[in-house]
């Protein structure tokens, strides 16, 4: 039951029904294999390696298989803990099947009962993640370069976290059957997704304000304004969580920049109405989200059928597995690496003088060894720290002689280990240590609590996992050209739809926007992970960071263009707008494709304050649209130049 429960994460009943039985079946297969091979120590070592290979190959189905993949590993560890000859392999397998089946029923019932609350909480977490982006974006405006650089790192990490929260909310909210509550949640989530776009657009042109006192004075007003808007969105998330009534109040931006120390002839004055207008748009969008919390549900812009296109795929198609049987596949390489590591850990444990619990060393390697070095190092440190903390807890429990109380602590440790595995892994490691020591004590009470052995196995297991990270490594530079090509392709596809004369707020532009954000987030992950790799094999971080920067700027430009066309399209000259959009589409199509050969230098661009129209956006928006189209074409060319340079440097290493 504990092994099957690994796959029981907050999910829809359909996804729970798809994943938990698979985890239970893999656990049963691993338990039976270990039980049958237990009398033959050498054969058992090869069996452990085979189980590890099969378990890690399940990652061919993507992140949804992460929890499922560890179920057979935990099962083989639990089975190895059973005293030899205490039960027949088939009886053990039968009990394993009973436990797995019982937990499958429990998980389906629990998922159905908690579904409404989980759906609400997924939306709350998405709202909080976007609210955090407001605060992170405000911190980027710090006049201190070092503080701004550190805030930018947190902004990138926050963007990835927000994308994950929004994806989870999509899977819950968009999959719900039609009802007033689901229509309200859908409308909120769709507006929340659009809000991220508007927030990204709010960064544009702020670099034109300069570094003097007047420029800092403007930024010092923009930053707290963003933070207040984010706070209002966070308040809406709290109201949704608690079911309370939210008092909606508009934030006053009318007098923003009135006291800014700028001369009347300063060209930056022309920029201030646009900056204030973007803050007003952000505030208005948050107010619309807040108003939906207590208002009658509106009809979402997308139908229930169209919404299903945004829900992550489910199932276990065999084609996904077949595609990974290649020496270049990161999944296959990690599966082979894990098989070698766990097999070696077992044989080392057999030769160790404290080999009464060889499965602990196997487990220590399995939980630390990840698909890339950055995650492995993070797990290594958290694992050692958590084990020491767990041992301290068990030492405090050693004086208890109540099997009932120790059993309750064991169950509490299981739940804690599950709950924090993706948030605070050191706490998961602490709970897992308590769970393992109590389990061993329950199986063999006379043996006491093997705390010293547990610490030794954990340290050795962490060291082995670290060493095996360099076996068949999948360095990030290997996949960099494909990641860059995908990013530029998705940016180009989204730009083509956004810059179409007949662009509408339908499903295709939204799907294209999602793919573009996913590609940018994946590229951001490359930058984060490569920092832990040996310097000789790292990707050229500066060049990839420039691709990310210009890619995000391009998405922001497109967001502004989309808002102008949708909100003020009636004020534009039809013929001139069609011509400008057509030229921009052509420029972007030629600017967003990686090239062979020596990289070209980044294009020069006059830009700057000279490009700002004299008219305020409220008076005549056409010049602002034309200027925006020119700037986005420049950012596209800069993204391409940085991408070509990154690929060239990666291939030279």
Foldseek 3Di string as FASTA:
>chain_A
DLLLCLLLDQAALVQLLFQSVLLLVLLLVLLLQLLVCVVPLLVNLLSLLVSLLVLLLLCLVPPSSVSSSCSNLVSNLLSNLFDPPPDHSVVVSVVSNVVSVVVSVVSSVVNVVCLVLSLLVLLLVLLLLLLVLLLLVLQLLDLDVVSNVVSVLVNLVSLLVNLVSLLRNLQRLLPDDDDQVSLLSVQLSVLSVLLSLLVLLLVPPLPLLDNDPLSSVLSVQLSVLSNVLSVLSNVLSVCSNVVHQDDQDQDDLPCRCVPRPDDPPPLCVLVVLVSSVSSNVSRVSSSVSSVSSPDGRDGDPADSVLSVVSHDDDDDDCVSSVVQPDLLHLSSQLSSLLSVLLSVQLVVLVVDPPNPSSSLLSVLQVQQQDSALQSNVVSLVLLLLLLVLLLVVVVVVLPDDDPVVLVVLLVVLSVQLSPCVPPRNSSNSSSVNSNVQSSSCVSPVVVGGPSVVNSVSNNVSSVSSNVSCPRSHNQLLSCLLVLLQQLLVLLLLLLLLLLALPRDPYSRNVVSVSSNSVSLSVLSVLLVRLVSPPPVQHFPNVLSVLLSVLSSNLSSLSSVSNCCCVPPVVQDDSVVSNVLSVVLSVLSVVLRGADDDQFDDQDDDPDHSVQRDPDHCVVHVVSVNSSSSVVSSSSSNSSRSSSNVRNVVNVVD
